[in-house]
Amino acid sequence: MHLYLQTPPAGGTAPRYCRIALEQDLLGGWTLYRESGTEGGRATLKREVYLDRAAALAAFESARDAQLKRGFKVMITQGSEYRHG
């Protein structure tokens, strides 16, 4: 499951973006990736590992909700179903 969120461009500055991805590994664990930065600029990538799907999904939704509260808009969604779950 992947989400790409972006802030609206404001006054000649590059928009900020956030990519949130939740993927299952080969051993049954879940990894949450959070990448954020400025379009065309530097980015930060954070990774969190979860052992069960429920905790991973809760963390994904929490990360999404936090970005929506900060004014980000969902631009792209991909994969609402899990391939390995």
Protein backbone atom coordinates (compact mmCIF):
# COMPACT_ATOMS: atom_id res chain seq x y z
CA MET A 1 0.00 0.00 0.00
CA HIS A 2 1.44 3.36 -1.05
CA LEU A 3 0.28 6.95 -0.60
CA TYR A 4 1.80 10.06 -2.12
CA LEU A 5 0.77 13.32 -0.48
CA GLN A 6 1.73 16.87 -1.41
CA THR A 7 1.18 20.42 -0.19
CA PRO A 8 -0.26 22.98 -2.59
CA PRO A 9 2.46 25.18 -4.15
CA ALA A 10 2.64 28.57 -2.45
CA GLY A 11 4.28 31.76 -3.66
CA GLY A 12 7.09 30.44 -5.83
CA THR A 13 8.32 27.82 -3.36
CA ALA A 14 8.57 24.16 -4.26
CA PRO A 15 5.79 22.02 -2.78
CA ARG A 16 6.56 19.58 0.01
CA TYR A 17 5.73 15.90 -0.39
CA CYS A 18 5.33 12.80 1.74
CA ARG A 19 5.33 9.19 0.56
CA ILE A 20 4.03 6.53 2.95
CA ALA A 21 4.41 2.86 2.03
CA LEU A 22 3.50 -0.32 3.88
CA GLU A 23 5.06 -3.56 2.63
CA GLN A 24 5.16 -7.12 3.89
CA ASP A 25 8.53 -8.86 3.97
CA LEU A 26 9.27 -12.51 3.15
CA LEU A 27 9.21 -13.53 6.82
CA GLY A 28 5.72 -12.17 7.48
CA GLY A 29 6.73 -8.89 9.13
CA TRP A 30 5.60 -5.47 7.94
CA THR A 31 7.73 -2.43 7.15
CA LEU A 32 6.42 1.14 7.14
CA TYR A 33 8.42 3.60 5.03
CA ARG A 34 7.95 7.35 5.43
CA GLU A 35 9.75 9.63 2.98
CA SER A 36 9.34 13.39 3.06
CA GLY A 37 11.01 16.44 1.60
CA THR A 38 10.75 19.24 -0.92
CA GLU A 39 10.14 18.52 -4.60
CA GLY A 40 13.54 18.65 -6.29
CA GLY A 41 15.35 18.96 -2.95
CA ARG A 42 16.54 16.85 -0.08
CA ALA A 43 14.46 14.06 1.39
CA THR A 44 14.34 12.09 4.63
CA LEU A 45 13.48 8.38 4.76
CA LYS A 46 12.37 6.64 7.95
CA ARG A 47 11.66 2.93 8.34
CA GLU A 48 9.72 1.12 11.07
CA VAL A 49 9.26 -2.65 11.35
CA TYR A 50 6.13 -4.31 12.80
CA LEU A 51 5.51 -7.97 13.52
CA ASP A 52 1.77 -8.04 12.89
CA ARG A 53 -0.51 -6.54 10.28
CA ALA A 54 -2.87 -4.77 12.69
CA ALA A 55 -0.09 -2.75 14.32
CA ALA A 56 1.45 -1.92 10.94
CA LEU A 57 -1.87 -0.79 9.51
CA ALA A 58 -2.58 1.36 12.59
CA ALA A 59 0.83 3.02 12.20
CA PHE A 60 0.17 3.60 8.47
CA GLU A 61 -3.18 5.24 9.19
CA SER A 62 -1.69 7.33 11.98
CA ALA A 63 1.09 8.60 9.69
CA ARG A 64 -1.48 9.39 6.97
CA ASP A 65 -3.76 11.26 9.38
CA ALA A 66 -0.86 13.29 10.76
CA GLN A 67 0.07 14.49 7.27
CA LEU A 68 -3.54 15.31 6.39
CA LYS A 69 -3.78 17.48 9.52
CA ARG A 70 -0.66 19.34 8.38
CA GLY A 71 -2.36 20.35 5.13
CA PHE A 72 -1.08 17.67 2.77
CA LYS A 73 -3.43 16.38 0.08
CA VAL A 74 -3.50 12.79 -1.23
CA MET A 75 -2.29 12.81 -4.83
CA ILE A 76 -1.71 9.11 -5.59
CA THR A 77 -2.90 5.91 -3.93
CA GLN A 78 -1.80 2.44 -4.90
CA GLY A 79 -2.56 -1.04 -3.65
CA SER A 80 -5.39 -1.05 -1.18
CA GLU A 81 -5.17 -4.84 -0.98
CA TYR A 82 -2.25 -6.77 0.50
CA ARG A 83 -0.52 -9.28 -1.75
CA HIS A 84 0.84 -11.53 0.99
CA GLY A 85 -1.81 -11.13 3.68
